[in-house]
Amino acid sequence: MECNTSAALILLPAEHFITKRLIHQTHLRLKHTGVKTMMGALRTEFWNRKMRQALKRETSKCTRCQRLDSRHFDEIPAPLPM
């Protein structure tokens, strides 16, 4: 007899404090990895209908992730006098 592990997942409400805290702790535990990595880690035990949106919201609030994902500033040099 096979055991279905997906039936044992805990359903989390989308905008609950515990859900937000769990996502924040996972973000720190996985050392600021991306959304896909965090989603894979969380979906082994928990299920949330809007998990991708919640993870994107968490990474957008993180200053360290904002620095890593920022674009480089390319300054256009001023023309030299002739």
Protein backbone atom coordinates (compact mmCIF):
# COMPACT_ATOMS: atom_id res chain seq x y z
CA MET A 1 0.00 0.00 0.00
CA GLU A 2 1.45 3.34 -1.08
CA CYS A 3 1.21 6.45 1.05
CA ASN A 4 0.24 9.65 -0.74
CA THR A 5 2.36 12.39 0.81
CA SER A 6 0.57 15.23 -1.01
CA ALA A 7 -2.59 14.51 0.99
CA ALA A 8 -0.70 15.31 4.21
CA LEU A 9 0.16 18.91 3.26
CA ILE A 10 -0.95 21.68 5.60
CA LEU A 11 -3.17 24.29 3.93
CA LEU A 12 -2.14 27.81 4.90
CA PRO A 13 -4.36 30.89 4.53
CA ALA A 14 -3.02 33.39 2.01
CA GLU A 15 -2.76 36.56 4.13
CA HIS A 16 -2.29 35.14 7.62
CA PHE A 17 0.42 36.26 10.04
CA ILE A 18 1.76 32.73 10.48
CA THR A 19 2.05 32.30 6.71
CA LYS A 20 4.01 35.53 6.38
CA ARG A 21 6.27 34.58 9.29
CA LEU A 22 6.91 31.12 7.83
CA ILE A 23 7.84 32.61 4.46
CA HIS A 24 10.16 35.12 6.13
CA GLN A 25 11.91 32.42 8.17
CA THR A 26 12.32 30.21 5.10
CA HIS A 27 13.74 33.16 3.16
CA LEU A 28 16.37 33.71 5.83
CA ARG A 29 17.06 30.00 6.35
CA LEU A 30 17.72 29.47 2.63
CA LYS A 31 19.99 32.55 2.58
CA HIS A 32 17.97 34.81 0.26
CA THR A 33 17.45 32.37 -2.58
CA GLY A 34 14.95 32.92 -5.35
CA VAL A 35 11.22 32.35 -5.47
CA LYS A 36 11.46 28.92 -7.13
CA THR A 37 13.82 27.53 -4.51
CA MET A 38 11.72 28.80 -1.62
CA MET A 39 8.56 27.47 -3.22
CA GLY A 40 10.10 24.03 -3.58
CA ALA A 41 11.20 24.02 0.06
CA LEU A 42 7.83 25.18 1.38
CA ARG A 43 5.71 22.92 -0.80
CA THR A 44 7.19 19.80 0.75
CA GLU A 45 5.12 20.46 3.90
CA PHE A 46 2.73 23.35 3.22
CA TRP A 47 0.30 24.46 0.55
CA ASN A 48 -0.90 27.99 -0.15
CA ARG A 49 -3.01 29.00 -3.13
CA LYS A 50 -1.14 32.30 -3.60
CA MET A 51 2.31 31.13 -2.57
CA ARG A 52 4.21 32.58 -5.54
CA GLN A 53 2.69 36.04 -4.96
CA ALA A 54 3.50 35.90 -1.25
CA LEU A 55 7.10 34.85 -1.96
CA LYS A 56 7.57 37.63 -4.50
CA ARG A 57 6.20 40.12 -1.97
CA GLU A 58 8.69 38.90 0.65
CA THR A 59 11.68 39.14 -1.70
CA SER A 60 10.63 42.61 -2.86
CA LYS A 61 10.70 43.84 0.78
CA CYS A 62 14.15 42.38 1.44
CA THR A 63 16.89 45.01 1.00
CA ARG A 64 19.61 42.42 0.43
CA CYS A 65 17.61 40.84 -2.40
CA GLN A 66 16.90 44.28 -3.87
CA ARG A 67 20.64 44.96 -4.02
CA LEU A 68 21.38 41.63 -5.68
CA ASP A 69 18.62 42.05 -8.26
CA SER A 70 19.29 45.70 -9.06
CA ARG A 71 20.44 46.81 -12.47
CA HIS A 72 23.81 48.46 -12.92
CA PHE A 73 23.84 52.18 -13.51
CA ASP A 74 25.49 52.98 -16.82
CA GLU A 75 26.31 56.65 -17.07
CA ILE A 76 26.56 58.13 -20.53
CA PRO A 77 29.83 60.05 -20.72
CA ALA A 78 29.67 63.73 -21.62
CA PRO A 79 31.01 64.66 -25.04
CA LEU A 80 34.52 66.04 -25.01
CA PRO A 81 35.14 69.58 -26.30
CA MET A 82 36.87 69.83 -29.67
